[in-house]
Amino acid sequence: MSMSAKTVGRWQVEVDPDCTRASYARLGPADQDRCDCPNCRNFKTLGTRAFPSSALAMLADLGIDYRYPAEVYRSGPVEAGRASYGGIFHFVGTLVTGDREGEDDMGEGFSYFIHGNASVVPKVFGSQPVVQLEFNAKVPWVLSEPSVD
């Protein structure tokens, strides 16, 4: 394991992007298709459009594969063709400073926060230390079918 210090928004972390990438590489289609409800399919259908380019760059820098959130859920109603989602990613590392100090807003309806109390960690991370990145995103509703409330 080769940790390096990074500043991610208001947080200081020690992170191993290579170990994180290797963990995500062990995930497969079943890990992406855990739920087939319209809400989950809408988010998955968006692909990279669910994230601003700055968020995709941040995730990639940490070694996170955006296609595999540990959890994603619709967190608000669909209004004017947009839906609110929340989700969780993990990366190999430790939190140095900034635990639960509020959210960082990246614009384009995307905000996130980082904390060291990881939950719903995929088994592919094994016993490695992980940090949890939780996000909120307002994204288009692109399916022709309605959401499930």
C-alpha atoms as a PDB file:
ATOM      1  CA  MET A   1       0.000   0.000   0.000  1.00  0.00           C
ATOM      2  CA  SER A   2       1.331   3.421  -0.938  1.00  0.00           C
ATOM      3  CA  MET A   3      -0.564   6.269   0.705  1.00  0.00           C
ATOM      4  CA  SER A   4      -0.176   9.876  -0.371  1.00  0.00           C
ATOM      5  CA  ALA A   5      -1.512  13.053   1.226  1.00  0.00           C
ATOM      6  CA  LYS A   6      -4.246  14.880  -0.672  1.00  0.00           C
ATOM      7  CA  THR A   7      -6.520  17.807  -0.054  1.00  0.00           C
ATOM      8  CA  VAL A   8     -10.055  17.055  -1.218  1.00  0.00           C
ATOM      9  CA  GLY A   9     -12.224  20.118  -0.707  1.00  0.00           C
ATOM     10  CA  ARG A  10     -12.002  20.956   2.991  1.00  0.00           C
ATOM     11  CA  TRP A  11     -10.667  17.516   3.921  1.00  0.00           C
ATOM     12  CA  GLN A  12      -7.144  16.222   4.303  1.00  0.00           C
ATOM     13  CA  VAL A  13      -6.796  12.534   3.489  1.00  0.00           C
ATOM     14  CA  GLU A  14      -4.147   9.906   3.052  1.00  0.00           C
ATOM     15  CA  VAL A  15      -5.215   7.959  -0.025  1.00  0.00           C
ATOM     16  CA  ASP A  16      -3.999   5.056  -2.119  1.00  0.00           C
ATOM     17  CA  PRO A  17      -5.614   5.559  -5.554  1.00  0.00           C
ATOM     18  CA  ASP A  18      -3.939   2.447  -7.004  1.00  0.00           C
ATOM     19  CA  CYS A  19      -5.385   0.170  -4.288  1.00  0.00           C
ATOM     20  CA  THR A  20      -8.750   1.904  -4.721  1.00  0.00           C
ATOM     21  CA  ARG A  21      -8.675   1.299  -8.502  1.00  0.00           C
ATOM     22  CA  ALA A  22      -7.698  -2.337  -7.938  1.00  0.00           C
ATOM     23  CA  SER A  23     -10.636  -2.765  -5.548  1.00  0.00           C
ATOM     24  CA  TYR A  24     -13.108  -1.237  -8.010  1.00  0.00           C
ATOM     25  CA  ALA A  25     -11.664  -3.406 -10.811  1.00  0.00           C
ATOM     26  CA  ARG A  26     -12.870  -6.483  -8.883  1.00  0.00           C
ATOM     27  CA  LEU A  27     -16.482  -5.288  -9.119  1.00  0.00           C
ATOM     28  CA  GLY A  28     -18.644  -6.585 -11.940  1.00  0.00           C
ATOM     29  CA  PRO A  29     -22.015  -6.081 -13.634  1.00  0.00           C
ATOM     30  CA  ALA A  30     -23.896  -7.605 -10.685  1.00  0.00           C
ATOM     31  CA  ASP A  31     -22.447  -4.868  -8.466  1.00  0.00           C
ATOM     32  CA  GLN A  32     -23.801  -2.239 -10.842  1.00  0.00           C
ATOM     33  CA  ASP A  33     -27.245  -3.781 -11.328  1.00  0.00           C
ATOM     34  CA  ARG A  34     -28.288  -4.488  -7.737  1.00  0.00           C
ATOM     35  CA  CYS A  35     -31.616  -2.720  -8.224  1.00  0.00           C
ATOM     36  CA  ASP A  36     -33.747  -2.444 -11.342  1.00  0.00           C
ATOM     37  CA  CYS A  37     -36.293   0.136 -10.150  1.00  0.00           C
ATOM     38  CA  PRO A  38     -36.861   3.187 -12.376  1.00  0.00           C
ATOM     39  CA  ASN A  39     -35.050   5.464  -9.923  1.00  0.00           C
ATOM     40  CA  CYS A  40     -31.859   3.387 -10.012  1.00  0.00           C
ATOM     41  CA  ARG A  41     -32.074   2.810 -13.773  1.00  0.00           C
ATOM     42  CA  ASN A  42     -32.429   6.565 -14.350  1.00  0.00           C
ATOM     43  CA  PHE A  43     -29.233   7.275 -12.411  1.00  0.00           C
ATOM     44  CA  LYS A  44     -27.326   4.461 -14.134  1.00  0.00           C
ATOM     45  CA  THR A  45     -28.580   5.571 -17.571  1.00  0.00           C
ATOM     46  CA  LEU A  46     -27.116   9.021 -17.011  1.00  0.00           C
ATOM     47  CA  GLY A  47     -23.584   7.627 -16.727  1.00  0.00           C
ATOM     48  CA  THR A  48     -21.094  10.487 -16.641  1.00  0.00           C
ATOM     49  CA  ARG A  49     -23.927  13.028 -17.064  1.00  0.00           C
ATOM     50  CA  ALA A  50     -24.855  12.400 -13.398  1.00  0.00           C
ATOM     51  CA  PHE A  51     -21.658  14.199 -12.341  1.00  0.00           C
ATOM     52  CA  PRO A  52     -20.071  17.522 -13.239  1.00  0.00           C
ATOM     53  CA  SER A  53     -16.655  17.166 -14.885  1.00  0.00           C
ATOM     54  CA  SER A  54     -14.968  18.495 -11.716  1.00  0.00           C
ATOM     55  CA  ALA A  55     -16.590  15.691  -9.680  1.00  0.00           C
ATOM     56  CA  LEU A  56     -15.538  13.044 -12.210  1.00  0.00           C
ATOM     57  CA  ALA A  57     -11.967  14.371 -12.028  1.00  0.00           C
ATOM     58  CA  MET A  58     -12.031  14.260  -8.210  1.00  0.00           C
ATOM     59  CA  LEU A  59     -13.372  10.683  -8.202  1.00  0.00           C
ATOM     60  CA  ALA A  60     -10.754   9.562 -10.738  1.00  0.00           C
ATOM     61  CA  ASP A  61      -7.974  11.237  -8.724  1.00  0.00           C
ATOM     62  CA  LEU A  62      -9.046   9.205  -5.672  1.00  0.00           C
ATOM     63  CA  GLY A  63      -9.219   6.003  -7.751  1.00  0.00           C
ATOM     64  CA  ILE A  64     -13.031   5.786  -7.565  1.00  0.00           C
ATOM     65  CA  ASP A  65     -14.957   4.280 -10.490  1.00  0.00           C
ATOM     66  CA  TYR A  66     -18.101   6.436 -10.834  1.00  0.00           C
ATOM     67  CA  ARG A  67     -20.046   3.467 -12.248  1.00  0.00           C
ATOM     68  CA  TYR A  68     -20.019   1.674  -8.886  1.00  0.00           C
ATOM     69  CA  PRO A  69     -21.508   3.671  -6.043  1.00  0.00           C
ATOM     70  CA  ALA A  70     -21.896   1.431  -2.989  1.00  0.00           C
ATOM     71  CA  GLU A  71     -25.353   2.933  -2.669  1.00  0.00           C
ATOM     72  CA  VAL A  72     -27.486   5.326  -4.678  1.00  0.00           C
ATOM     73  CA  TYR A  73     -31.006   6.468  -3.888  1.00  0.00           C
ATOM     74  CA  ARG A  74     -33.476   9.088  -5.007  1.00  0.00           C
ATOM     75  CA  SER A  75     -33.657  11.608  -2.192  1.00  0.00           C
ATOM     76  CA  GLY A  76     -36.341  13.963  -3.434  1.00  0.00           C
ATOM     77  CA  PRO A  77     -39.216  14.250  -5.859  1.00  0.00           C
ATOM     78  CA  VAL A  78     -38.826  14.641  -9.594  1.00  0.00           C
ATOM     79  CA  GLU A  79     -39.600  18.282 -10.304  1.00  0.00           C
ATOM     80  CA  ALA A  80     -39.326  20.067 -13.655  1.00  0.00           C
ATOM     81  CA  GLY A  81     -37.607  17.017 -15.141  1.00  0.00           C
ATOM     82  CA  ARG A  82     -34.895  16.845 -12.458  1.00  0.00           C
ATOM     83  CA  ALA A  83     -34.461  14.389  -9.591  1.00  0.00           C
ATOM     84  CA  SER A  84     -32.407  14.577  -6.405  1.00  0.00           C
ATOM     85  CA  TYR A  85     -30.153  11.646  -5.598  1.00  0.00           C
ATOM     86  CA  GLY A  86     -27.803  10.700  -2.806  1.00  0.00           C
ATOM     87  CA  GLY A  87     -25.060   8.137  -2.937  1.00  0.00           C
ATOM     88  CA  ILE A  88     -21.937   6.673  -1.382  1.00  0.00           C
ATOM     89  CA  PHE A  89     -18.476   5.873  -2.703  1.00  0.00           C
ATOM     90  CA  HIS A  90     -15.422   4.568  -0.844  1.00  0.00           C
ATOM     91  CA  PHE A  91     -11.708   4.915  -1.337  1.00  0.00           C
ATOM     92  CA  VAL A  92      -8.704   3.282   0.311  1.00  0.00           C
ATOM     93  CA  GLY A  93      -7.184   5.653   2.807  1.00  0.00           C
ATOM     94  CA  THR A  94      -7.636   7.476   6.060  1.00  0.00           C
ATOM     95  CA  LEU A  95      -9.180  10.779   6.983  1.00  0.00           C
ATOM     96  CA  VAL A  96      -6.647  13.162   8.504  1.00  0.00           C
ATOM     97  CA  THR A  97      -8.797  16.264   9.122  1.00  0.00           C
ATOM     98  CA  GLY A  98     -12.263  17.568   8.383  1.00  0.00           C
ATOM     99  CA  ASP A  99     -14.627  14.803   9.500  1.00  0.00           C
ATOM    100  CA  ARG A 100     -18.264  15.831   8.851  1.00  0.00           C
ATOM    101  CA  GLU A 101     -17.567  19.538   8.539  1.00  0.00           C
ATOM    102  CA  GLY A 102     -20.428  20.180   6.129  1.00  0.00           C
ATOM    103  CA  GLU A 103     -20.680  19.731   2.392  1.00  0.00           C
ATOM    104  CA  ASP A 104     -18.589  21.110  -0.431  1.00  0.00           C
ATOM    105  CA  ASP A 105     -20.695  22.393  -3.317  1.00  0.00           C
ATOM    106  CA  MET A 106     -19.101  21.729  -6.700  1.00  0.00           C
ATOM    107  CA  GLY A 107     -21.876  23.482  -8.620  1.00  0.00           C
ATOM    108  CA  GLU A 108     -24.142  21.983 -11.274  1.00  0.00           C
ATOM    109  CA  GLY A 109     -26.326  20.537  -8.493  1.00  0.00           C
ATOM    110  CA  PHE A 110     -23.537  18.386  -7.027  1.00  0.00           C
ATOM    111  CA  SER A 111     -22.236  18.468  -3.450  1.00  0.00           C
ATOM    112  CA  TYR A 112     -20.330  15.987  -1.312  1.00  0.00           C
ATOM    113  CA  PHE A 113     -18.766  15.359   2.063  1.00  0.00           C
ATOM    114  CA  ILE A 114     -16.162  12.941   3.366  1.00  0.00           C
ATOM    115  CA  HIS A 115     -16.021  11.078   6.653  1.00  0.00           C
ATOM    116  CA  GLY A 116     -14.213   8.226   8.319  1.00  0.00           C
ATOM    117  CA  ASN A 117     -17.251   6.287   9.572  1.00  0.00           C
ATOM    118  CA  ALA A 118     -17.657   4.042   6.525  1.00  0.00           C
ATOM    119  CA  SER A 119     -20.761   1.923   6.023  1.00  0.00           C
ATOM    120  CA  VAL A 120     -22.031  -0.335   3.220  1.00  0.00           C
ATOM    121  CA  VAL A 121     -18.418  -0.972   2.190  1.00  0.00           C
ATOM    122  CA  PRO A 122     -18.184  -3.441  -0.718  1.00  0.00           C
ATOM    123  CA  LYS A 123     -16.389  -6.671   0.181  1.00  0.00           C
ATOM    124  CA  VAL A 124     -13.755  -6.036  -2.505  1.00  0.00           C
ATOM    125  CA  PHE A 125     -12.102  -3.533  -0.146  1.00  0.00           C
ATOM    126  CA  GLY A 126     -11.389  -6.338   2.322  1.00  0.00           C
ATOM    127  CA  SER A 127      -9.687  -5.169   5.508  1.00  0.00           C
ATOM    128  CA  GLN A 128      -8.121  -2.083   3.912  1.00  0.00           C
ATOM    129  CA  PRO A 129      -8.819   1.228   5.643  1.00  0.00           C
ATOM    130  CA  VAL A 130     -11.523   3.128   3.756  1.00  0.00           C
ATOM    131  CA  VAL A 131     -12.945   6.624   3.748  1.00  0.00           C
ATOM    132  CA  GLN A 132     -16.530   7.308   2.729  1.00  0.00           C
ATOM    133  CA  LEU A 133     -17.492   9.992   0.215  1.00  0.00           C
ATOM    134  CA  GLU A 134     -21.213  10.800   0.194  1.00  0.00           C
ATOM    135  CA  PHE A 135     -22.746  12.890  -2.540  1.00  0.00           C
ATOM    136  CA  ASN A 136     -25.953  14.690  -3.407  1.00  0.00           C
ATOM    137  CA  ALA A 137     -26.807  15.355  -7.035  1.00  0.00           C
ATOM    138  CA  LYS A 138     -29.664  16.994  -8.889  1.00  0.00           C
ATOM    139  CA  VAL A 139     -29.837  15.272 -12.266  1.00  0.00           C
ATOM    140  CA  PRO A 140     -32.184  15.049 -15.242  1.00  0.00           C
ATOM    141  CA  TRP A 141     -34.934  12.455 -15.314  1.00  0.00           C
ATOM    142  CA  VAL A 142     -34.220  10.757 -18.653  1.00  0.00           C
ATOM    143  CA  LEU A 143     -36.459   7.684 -18.596  1.00  0.00           C
ATOM    144  CA  SER A 144     -39.823   7.746 -20.325  1.00  0.00           C
ATOM    145  CA  GLU A 145     -41.368   5.920 -17.371  1.00  0.00           C
ATOM    146  CA  PRO A 146     -42.166   7.736 -14.107  1.00  0.00           C
ATOM    147  CA  SER A 147     -40.134   7.517 -10.942  1.00  0.00           C
ATOM    148  CA  VAL A 148     -41.177   5.328  -8.042  1.00  0.00           C
ATOM    149  CA  ASP A 149     -42.048   7.247  -4.895  1.00  0.00           C
END
